[in-house]
Amino acid sequence: MTAAATTSAAPRHLPRRGLFKLPDAAGVQIECRSGSLWITLDDDPRDFVIEAGERFVTDEHKPVIVYALRAAELQVQARDEGPSRARWTPRPGPARTAAA
């Protein structure tokens, strides 16, 4: 399944503890519109937690699982940026640091 087949401009609602899976995370952007999301890539020791206004992108061709830590709205769409490693983009505001 391609990124285009699994992405949509329409936001998706996940209830608390809800799951959303993509077979291939490469080339998509996951944006948290509200709530809090825990994102994990298959066979990757890192996990990412994003909150409202933050985004996650990766070029790794791995399945991804998105878990709602609390009720959340997310938007998954194809991205048109250049290459990137798995990363999150913080929302504007006070500085935050990510544990390496």
C-alpha atoms as a PDB file:
ATOM      1  CA  MET A   1       0.000   0.000   0.000  1.00  0.00           C
ATOM      2  CA  THR A   2       1.403   3.397  -0.921  1.00  0.00           C
ATOM      3  CA  ALA A   3       1.470   6.514   1.215  1.00  0.00           C
ATOM      4  CA  ALA A   4      -1.079   8.113  -1.106  1.00  0.00           C
ATOM      5  CA  ALA A   5      -3.493   5.221  -0.504  1.00  0.00           C
ATOM      6  CA  THR A   6      -3.301   5.599   3.281  1.00  0.00           C
ATOM      7  CA  THR A   7      -3.298   9.366   3.642  1.00  0.00           C
ATOM      8  CA  SER A   8      -6.126  11.821   3.695  1.00  0.00           C
ATOM      9  CA  ALA A   9      -6.550  15.527   4.243  1.00  0.00           C
ATOM     10  CA  ALA A  10      -9.453  14.740   6.596  1.00  0.00           C
ATOM     11  CA  PRO A  11      -8.490  14.593  10.286  1.00  0.00           C
ATOM     12  CA  ARG A  12      -9.029  11.271  12.067  1.00  0.00           C
ATOM     13  CA  HIS A  13     -10.303  10.987  15.617  1.00  0.00           C
ATOM     14  CA  LEU A  14      -8.749   8.438  17.958  1.00  0.00           C
ATOM     15  CA  PRO A  15     -10.364   7.748  21.313  1.00  0.00           C
ATOM     16  CA  ARG A  16      -8.079   7.359  24.326  1.00  0.00           C
ATOM     17  CA  ARG A  17      -6.028   4.170  23.827  1.00  0.00           C
ATOM     18  CA  GLY A  18      -7.082   4.034  20.164  1.00  0.00           C
ATOM     19  CA  LEU A  19      -4.650   2.745  17.514  1.00  0.00           C
ATOM     20  CA  PHE A  20      -3.900   3.812  13.967  1.00  0.00           C
ATOM     21  CA  LYS A  21      -1.488   1.809  11.799  1.00  0.00           C
ATOM     22  CA  LEU A  22       0.292   2.553   8.545  1.00  0.00           C
ATOM     23  CA  PRO A  23       2.163  -0.171   6.646  1.00  0.00           C
ATOM     24  CA  ASP A  24       4.861   2.277   5.485  1.00  0.00           C
ATOM     25  CA  ALA A  25       5.706   5.514   7.303  1.00  0.00           C
ATOM     26  CA  ALA A  26       8.028   6.882   4.610  1.00  0.00           C
ATOM     27  CA  GLY A  27       6.768   9.951   2.822  1.00  0.00           C
ATOM     28  CA  VAL A  28       3.955  10.806   5.210  1.00  0.00           C
ATOM     29  CA  GLN A  29       3.522  13.468   7.853  1.00  0.00           C
ATOM     30  CA  ILE A  30       1.549  12.722  11.005  1.00  0.00           C
ATOM     31  CA  GLU A  31       0.222  15.851  12.669  1.00  0.00           C
ATOM     32  CA  CYS A  32      -1.378  15.886  16.098  1.00  0.00           C
ATOM     33  CA  ARG A  33      -4.270  18.362  15.939  1.00  0.00           C
ATOM     34  CA  SER A  34      -5.428  17.746  19.534  1.00  0.00           C
ATOM     35  CA  GLY A  35      -4.643  15.362  22.370  1.00  0.00           C
ATOM     36  CA  SER A  36      -1.430  13.366  22.653  1.00  0.00           C
ATOM     37  CA  LEU A  37      -0.004  10.615  20.408  1.00  0.00           C
ATOM     38  CA  TRP A  38       2.661   7.988  21.011  1.00  0.00           C
ATOM     39  CA  ILE A  39       4.367   6.943  17.752  1.00  0.00           C
ATOM     40  CA  THR A  40       6.558   3.905  17.284  1.00  0.00           C
ATOM     41  CA  LEU A  41       8.269   2.531  14.173  1.00  0.00           C
ATOM     42  CA  ASP A  42       8.730  -1.209  13.725  1.00  0.00           C
ATOM     43  CA  ASP A  43      12.141  -2.425  14.937  1.00  0.00           C
ATOM     44  CA  ASP A  44      13.234   1.040  16.134  1.00  0.00           C
ATOM     45  CA  PRO A  45      14.259   1.499  19.786  1.00  0.00           C
ATOM     46  CA  ARG A  46      13.030   5.110  19.786  1.00  0.00           C
ATOM     47  CA  ASP A  47       9.488   6.191  20.507  1.00  0.00           C
ATOM     48  CA  PHE A  48       8.052   9.638  19.867  1.00  0.00           C
ATOM     49  CA  VAL A  49       5.332  11.471  21.772  1.00  0.00           C
ATOM     50  CA  ILE A  50       3.718  14.381  19.983  1.00  0.00           C
ATOM     51  CA  GLU A  51       1.072  16.764  21.220  1.00  0.00           C
ATOM     52  CA  ALA A  52      -1.289  19.266  19.620  1.00  0.00           C
ATOM     53  CA  GLY A  53       0.548  21.344  17.012  1.00  0.00           C
ATOM     54  CA  GLU A  54       3.467  18.914  16.620  1.00  0.00           C
ATOM     55  CA  ARG A  55       4.336  16.736  13.621  1.00  0.00           C
ATOM     56  CA  PHE A  56       6.227  13.526  12.958  1.00  0.00           C
ATOM     57  CA  VAL A  57       7.950  12.593   9.678  1.00  0.00           C
ATOM     58  CA  THR A  58      10.378   9.892   8.589  1.00  0.00           C
ATOM     59  CA  ASP A  59      11.867   8.463   5.403  1.00  0.00           C
ATOM     60  CA  GLU A  60      12.197   5.001   6.931  1.00  0.00           C
ATOM     61  CA  HIS A  61      10.172   2.335   5.127  1.00  0.00           C
ATOM     62  CA  LYS A  62       8.783   0.722   8.254  1.00  0.00           C
ATOM     63  CA  PRO A  63       5.324   0.082   9.644  1.00  0.00           C
ATOM     64  CA  VAL A  64       4.231   2.714  12.156  1.00  0.00           C
ATOM     65  CA  ILE A  65       1.784   2.473  15.051  1.00  0.00           C
ATOM     66  CA  VAL A  66       0.123   5.592  16.450  1.00  0.00           C
ATOM     67  CA  TYR A  67      -1.429   5.215  19.913  1.00  0.00           C
ATOM     68  CA  ALA A  68      -3.627   7.867  21.530  1.00  0.00           C
ATOM     69  CA  LEU A  69      -2.398   8.559  25.067  1.00  0.00           C
ATOM     70  CA  ARG A  70      -5.587  10.605  25.413  1.00  0.00           C
ATOM     71  CA  ALA A  71      -8.378  11.305  22.917  1.00  0.00           C
ATOM     72  CA  ALA A  72      -6.761  12.882  19.875  1.00  0.00           C
ATOM     73  CA  GLU A  73      -7.305  14.182  16.398  1.00  0.00           C
ATOM     74  CA  LEU A  74      -4.573  13.469  13.888  1.00  0.00           C
ATOM     75  CA  GLN A  75      -4.019  14.251  10.262  1.00  0.00           C
ATOM     76  CA  VAL A  76      -1.937  12.016   8.018  1.00  0.00           C
ATOM     77  CA  GLN A  77      -0.876  13.392   4.678  1.00  0.00           C
ATOM     78  CA  ALA A  78       1.781  12.912   2.049  1.00  0.00           C
ATOM     79  CA  ARG A  79       4.648  15.297   2.594  1.00  0.00           C
ATOM     80  CA  ASP A  80       6.584  17.050  -0.116  1.00  0.00           C
ATOM     81  CA  GLU A  81       9.736  17.929   1.833  1.00  0.00           C
ATOM     82  CA  GLY A  82      13.201  16.593   1.139  1.00  0.00           C
ATOM     83  CA  PRO A  83      14.711  13.581   2.916  1.00  0.00           C
ATOM     84  CA  SER A  84      14.652  13.413   6.698  1.00  0.00           C
ATOM     85  CA  ARG A  85      15.298  10.968   9.501  1.00  0.00           C
ATOM     86  CA  ALA A  86      12.589  10.151  11.996  1.00  0.00           C
ATOM     87  CA  ARG A  87      11.881  13.388  13.820  1.00  0.00           C
ATOM     88  CA  TRP A  88       9.184  15.448  15.447  1.00  0.00           C
ATOM     89  CA  THR A  89       8.511  19.118  14.935  1.00  0.00           C
ATOM     90  CA  PRO A  90       7.521  20.971  18.106  1.00  0.00           C
ATOM     91  CA  ARG A  91       4.703  23.452  18.222  1.00  0.00           C
ATOM     92  CA  PRO A  92       5.648  27.116  18.589  1.00  0.00           C
ATOM     93  CA  GLY A  93       6.091  28.258  22.164  1.00  0.00           C
ATOM     94  CA  PRO A  94       8.494  27.617  25.039  1.00  0.00           C
ATOM     95  CA  ALA A  95      11.563  25.585  24.118  1.00  0.00           C
ATOM     96  CA  ARG A  96      11.307  21.802  24.503  1.00  0.00           C
ATOM     97  CA  THR A  97      14.046  19.260  24.230  1.00  0.00           C
ATOM     98  CA  ALA A  98      13.844  15.687  22.967  1.00  0.00           C
ATOM     99  CA  ALA A  99      15.666  12.902  24.765  1.00  0.00           C
ATOM    100  CA  ALA A 100      18.215  11.343  22.441  1.00  0.00           C
END
